[in-house]
C-alpha atoms as a PDB file:
ATOM      1  CA  UNK A   1     -15.837 -14.223   4.113  1.00  0.00           C
ATOM      2  CA  UNK A   2     -16.292 -17.836   2.558  1.00  0.00           C
ATOM      3  CA  UNK A   3     -14.562 -20.080  -0.095  1.00  0.00           C
ATOM      4  CA  UNK A   4     -16.387 -18.034  -2.817  1.00  0.00           C
ATOM      5  CA  UNK A   5     -15.330 -14.791  -1.810  1.00  0.00           C
ATOM      6  CA  UNK A   6     -11.975 -15.807  -1.739  1.00  0.00           C
ATOM      7  CA  UNK A   7     -11.941 -17.207  -5.146  1.00  0.00           C
ATOM      8  CA  UNK A   8     -13.717 -14.186  -6.468  1.00  0.00           C
ATOM      9  CA  UNK A   9     -10.964 -11.816  -4.997  1.00  0.00           C
ATOM     10  CA  UNK A  10      -8.248 -14.261  -6.336  1.00  0.00           C
ATOM     11  CA  UNK A  11      -9.732 -14.252  -9.837  1.00  0.00           C
ATOM     12  CA  UNK A  12     -10.283 -10.465  -9.729  1.00  0.00           C
ATOM     13  CA  UNK A  13      -6.512  -9.988  -8.815  1.00  0.00           C
ATOM     14  CA  UNK A  14      -5.486 -12.447 -11.508  1.00  0.00           C
ATOM     15  CA  UNK A  15      -7.867 -10.606 -14.215  1.00  0.00           C
ATOM     16  CA  UNK A  16      -8.109  -7.137 -13.069  1.00  0.00           C
ATOM     17  CA  UNK A  17      -9.937  -5.892 -16.149  1.00  0.00           C
ATOM     18  CA  UNK A  18     -12.389  -8.550 -16.412  1.00  0.00           C
ATOM     19  CA  UNK A  19     -15.960  -7.558 -16.248  1.00  0.00           C
ATOM     20  CA  UNK A  20     -18.834  -9.296 -13.917  1.00  0.00           C
ATOM     21  CA  UNK A  21     -20.205 -11.432 -16.462  1.00  0.00           C
ATOM     22  CA  UNK A  22     -16.878 -13.122 -17.254  1.00  0.00           C
ATOM     23  CA  UNK A  23     -15.951 -13.323 -13.414  1.00  0.00           C
ATOM     24  CA  UNK A  24     -19.314 -15.190 -13.206  1.00  0.00           C
ATOM     25  CA  UNK A  25     -18.325 -17.557 -16.017  1.00  0.00           C
ATOM     26  CA  UNK A  26     -14.815 -17.993 -14.721  1.00  0.00           C
ATOM     27  CA  UNK A  27     -16.213 -18.949 -11.314  1.00  0.00           C
ATOM     28  CA  UNK A  28     -19.165 -20.829 -12.315  1.00  0.00           C
ATOM     29  CA  UNK A  29     -21.871 -18.739 -10.717  1.00  0.00           C
ATOM     30  CA  UNK A  30     -24.635 -16.457 -11.657  1.00  0.00           C
ATOM     31  CA  UNK A  31     -23.795 -12.911 -12.625  1.00  0.00           C
ATOM     32  CA  UNK A  32     -26.162 -11.541 -10.148  1.00  0.00           C
ATOM     33  CA  UNK A  33     -24.224 -13.673  -7.415  1.00  0.00           C
ATOM     34  CA  UNK A  34     -21.037 -12.126  -8.290  1.00  0.00           C
ATOM     35  CA  UNK A  35     -22.346  -8.650  -8.433  1.00  0.00           C
ATOM     36  CA  UNK A  36     -23.900  -9.126  -4.810  1.00  0.00           C
ATOM     37  CA  UNK A  37     -20.601 -10.516  -3.275  1.00  0.00           C
ATOM     38  CA  UNK A  38     -18.705  -7.694  -5.020  1.00  0.00           C
ATOM     39  CA  UNK A  39     -21.040  -5.211  -3.423  1.00  0.00           C
ATOM     40  CA  UNK A  40     -20.787  -6.915  -0.032  1.00  0.00           C
ATOM     41  CA  UNK A  41     -16.961  -6.930  -0.346  1.00  0.00           C
ATOM     42  CA  UNK A  42     -16.791  -3.229  -0.986  1.00  0.00           C
ATOM     43  CA  UNK A  43     -19.185  -2.379   1.648  1.00  0.00           C
ATOM     44  CA  UNK A  44     -17.420  -4.302   4.120  1.00  0.00           C
ATOM     45  CA  UNK A  45     -13.971  -2.515   3.093  1.00  0.00           C
ATOM     46  CA  UNK A  46     -12.585  -5.996   1.782  1.00  0.00           C
ATOM     47  CA  UNK A  47     -12.252  -4.433  -1.648  1.00  0.00           C
ATOM     48  CA  UNK A  48     -10.592  -0.960  -1.077  1.00  0.00           C
ATOM     49  CA  UNK A  49     -10.136   0.169  -4.591  1.00  0.00           C
ATOM     50  CA  UNK A  50     -10.256  -0.786  -8.632  1.00  0.00           C
ATOM     51  CA  UNK A  51      -7.309   1.548  -9.476  1.00  0.00           C
ATOM     52  CA  UNK A  52      -4.483   0.286 -11.614  1.00  0.00           C
ATOM     53  CA  UNK A  53      -1.253  -0.665  -9.619  1.00  0.00           C
ATOM     54  CA  UNK A  54       1.442   2.087 -10.643  1.00  0.00           C
ATOM     55  CA  UNK A  55       4.996   1.445 -10.771  1.00  0.00           C
ATOM     56  CA  UNK A  56       7.019   4.072  -9.322  1.00  0.00           C
ATOM     57  CA  UNK A  57      10.134   2.988 -10.899  1.00  0.00           C
ATOM     58  CA  UNK A  58       8.454   3.219 -14.307  1.00  0.00           C
ATOM     59  CA  UNK A  59       7.421   6.829 -13.738  1.00  0.00           C
ATOM     60  CA  UNK A  60      10.848   7.812 -12.852  1.00  0.00           C
ATOM     61  CA  UNK A  61      11.128   6.899  -9.149  1.00  0.00           C
ATOM     62  CA  UNK A  62      13.629   4.048  -9.230  1.00  0.00           C
ATOM     63  CA  UNK A  63      14.557   4.310  -5.640  1.00  0.00           C
ATOM     64  CA  UNK A  64      12.452   2.261  -2.969  1.00  0.00           C
ATOM     65  CA  UNK A  65      13.115   3.168   0.598  1.00  0.00           C
ATOM     66  CA  UNK A  66      11.695   2.636   3.941  1.00  0.00           C
ATOM     67  CA  UNK A  67      12.374   5.563   6.314  1.00  0.00           C
ATOM     68  CA  UNK A  68      11.722   5.078  10.114  1.00  0.00           C
ATOM     69  CA  UNK A  69      10.810   7.882  12.153  1.00  0.00           C
ATOM     70  CA  UNK A  70      11.027   8.981  15.931  1.00  0.00           C
ATOM     71  CA  UNK A  71       8.634  11.305  16.743  1.00  0.00           C
ATOM     72  CA  UNK A  72       8.396  14.143  19.519  1.00  0.00           C
ATOM     73  CA  UNK A  73       6.423  13.304  22.534  1.00  0.00           C
ATOM     74  CA  UNK A  74       2.652  13.908  21.646  1.00  0.00           C
ATOM     75  CA  UNK A  75       3.386  15.385  18.269  1.00  0.00           C
ATOM     76  CA  UNK A  76       2.225  12.284  16.158  1.00  0.00           C
ATOM     77  CA  UNK A  77      -0.806  13.842  14.396  1.00  0.00           C
ATOM     78  CA  UNK A  78       1.431  17.116  13.511  1.00  0.00           C
ATOM     79  CA  UNK A  79       4.280  14.685  12.139  1.00  0.00           C
ATOM     80  CA  UNK A  80       1.590  12.795  10.009  1.00  0.00           C
ATOM     81  CA  UNK A  81       0.044  15.961   8.567  1.00  0.00           C
ATOM     82  CA  UNK A  82       3.527  17.262   7.610  1.00  0.00           C
ATOM     83  CA  UNK A  83       4.436  13.965   5.893  1.00  0.00           C
ATOM     84  CA  UNK A  84       0.844  14.283   4.016  1.00  0.00           C
ATOM     85  CA  UNK A  85       2.637  17.240   2.177  1.00  0.00           C
ATOM     86  CA  UNK A  86       5.364  14.825   0.603  1.00  0.00           C
ATOM     87  CA  UNK A  87       4.164  13.362  -2.376  1.00  0.00           C
ATOM     88  CA  UNK A  88       7.237  11.033  -2.655  1.00  0.00           C
ATOM     89  CA  UNK A  89       5.864   9.182   0.724  1.00  0.00           C
ATOM     90  CA  UNK A  90       3.684   6.201  -0.693  1.00  0.00           C
ATOM     91  CA  UNK A  91       2.525   5.085   2.987  1.00  0.00           C
ATOM     92  CA  UNK A  92       2.852   5.637   6.598  1.00  0.00           C
ATOM     93  CA  UNK A  93       2.472   3.289   9.136  1.00  0.00           C
ATOM     94  CA  UNK A  94       2.340   3.704  13.103  1.00  0.00           C
ATOM     95  CA  UNK A  95       4.720   1.056  14.701  1.00  0.00           C
ATOM     96  CA  UNK A  96       5.459  -0.479  18.173  1.00  0.00           C
ATOM     97  CA  UNK A  97       9.116  -0.612  19.179  1.00  0.00           C
ATOM     98  CA  UNK A  98      11.854   1.952  18.805  1.00  0.00           C
ATOM     99  CA  UNK A  99      10.493   3.862  15.989  1.00  0.00           C
ATOM    100  CA  UNK A 100       7.108   5.486  15.923  1.00  0.00           C
ATOM    101  CA  UNK A 101       6.384   5.410  12.220  1.00  0.00           C
ATOM    102  CA  UNK A 102       7.589   3.906   9.149  1.00  0.00           C
ATOM    103  CA  UNK A 103       7.217   5.562   5.705  1.00  0.00           C
ATOM    104  CA  UNK A 104       7.533   3.931   2.302  1.00  0.00           C
ATOM    105  CA  UNK A 105       9.371   6.518   0.134  1.00  0.00           C
ATOM    106  CA  UNK A 106       9.905   6.615  -3.779  1.00  0.00           C
ATOM    107  CA  UNK A 107      12.850   8.736  -5.159  1.00  0.00           C
ATOM    108  CA  UNK A 108      14.455   9.597  -8.237  1.00  0.00           C
ATOM    109  CA  UNK A 109      18.025   9.000  -7.028  1.00  0.00           C
ATOM    110  CA  UNK A 110      19.827   8.517  -3.725  1.00  0.00           C
ATOM    111  CA  UNK A 111      20.392  12.392  -3.778  1.00  0.00           C
ATOM    112  CA  UNK A 112      16.568  12.877  -3.933  1.00  0.00           C
ATOM    113  CA  UNK A 113      16.134  10.507  -1.234  1.00  0.00           C
ATOM    114  CA  UNK A 114      18.561  12.657   0.932  1.00  0.00           C
ATOM    115  CA  UNK A 115      16.720  15.806   0.129  1.00  0.00           C
ATOM    116  CA  UNK A 116      13.271  14.111   0.878  1.00  0.00           C
ATOM    117  CA  UNK A 117      14.763  13.065   4.247  1.00  0.00           C
ATOM    118  CA  UNK A 118      16.184  16.371   4.926  1.00  0.00           C
ATOM    119  CA  UNK A 119      12.860  17.953   4.156  1.00  0.00           C
ATOM    120  CA  UNK A 120      11.037  15.516   6.716  1.00  0.00           C
ATOM    121  CA  UNK A 121      13.534  16.389   9.264  1.00  0.00           C
ATOM    122  CA  UNK A 122      12.411  20.248   8.844  1.00  0.00           C
ATOM    123  CA  UNK A 123       9.315  19.162  10.865  1.00  0.00           C
ATOM    124  CA  UNK A 124       9.900  19.965  14.786  1.00  0.00           C
ATOM    125  CA  UNK A 125       7.667  16.733  15.344  1.00  0.00           C
ATOM    126  CA  UNK A 126      10.121  14.602  13.908  1.00  0.00           C
ATOM    127  CA  UNK A 127      13.253  13.650  16.089  1.00  0.00           C
ATOM    128  CA  UNK A 128      15.148  11.185  14.021  1.00  0.00           C
ATOM    129  CA  UNK A 129      15.149   9.175  10.932  1.00  0.00           C
ATOM    130  CA  UNK A 130      16.728   5.851   9.872  1.00  0.00           C
ATOM    131  CA  UNK A 131      16.494   4.802   6.213  1.00  0.00           C
ATOM    132  CA  UNK A 132      16.902   1.507   4.213  1.00  0.00           C
ATOM    133  CA  UNK A 133      17.141   1.350   0.396  1.00  0.00           C
ATOM    134  CA  UNK A 134      15.508  -1.614  -1.114  1.00  0.00           C
ATOM    135  CA  UNK A 135      17.930  -3.161  -3.458  1.00  0.00           C
ATOM    136  CA  UNK A 136      15.259  -5.441  -4.897  1.00  0.00           C
ATOM    137  CA  UNK A 137      11.886  -6.914  -4.335  1.00  0.00           C
ATOM    138  CA  UNK A 138      12.202 -10.778  -3.520  1.00  0.00           C
ATOM    139  CA  UNK A 139       8.320 -11.161  -2.741  1.00  0.00           C
ATOM    140  CA  UNK A 140       5.970  -8.381  -4.197  1.00  0.00           C
ATOM    141  CA  UNK A 141       2.948  -7.313  -2.417  1.00  0.00           C
ATOM    142  CA  UNK A 142       0.490 -10.101  -2.499  1.00  0.00           C
ATOM    143  CA  UNK A 143      -2.600 -11.111  -0.997  1.00  0.00           C
ATOM    144  CA  UNK A 144      -3.733 -14.442  -2.918  1.00  0.00           C
ATOM    145  CA  UNK A 145      -1.713 -17.004  -0.441  1.00  0.00           C
ATOM    146  CA  UNK A 146      -3.741 -15.248   2.613  1.00  0.00           C
ATOM    147  CA  UNK A 147      -6.737 -15.634   0.726  1.00  0.00           C
ATOM    148  CA  UNK A 148      -6.416 -19.114  -0.017  1.00  0.00           C
ATOM    149  CA  UNK A 149      -4.854 -20.205   3.470  1.00  0.00           C
ATOM    150  CA  UNK A 150      -8.373 -19.809   4.989  1.00  0.00           C
END
């Protein structure tokens, strides 16, 4: 990935609905160059999707929590499959240290969060949970500084 790729990605993030021709104009390169770069970045897995970013809070899930899980020895696959069936679990990461998985969860209320955690604990693969509710977002997800730090 070079400087043009980084600028292309930053511009696409700043203007998510812009077309290839306008991207080319904004970057000062040919449309074909932009198309080739986008295709290359998609094929390489750098660009993962073009979907809209949806706010869970704006669709009725204002509680944002992080739930750490300790998994029974040798039952990681079983635990992950059980977690896939919980629509309020937005993402799951395998971690090192005291816990095995970190789940990002959206809930309608704290009572709803408690229900979600109780449901997670019904899986025999999950031994223990530890949760933290996010009170605010100080720095939202961002990639631009990383792209520009190259």
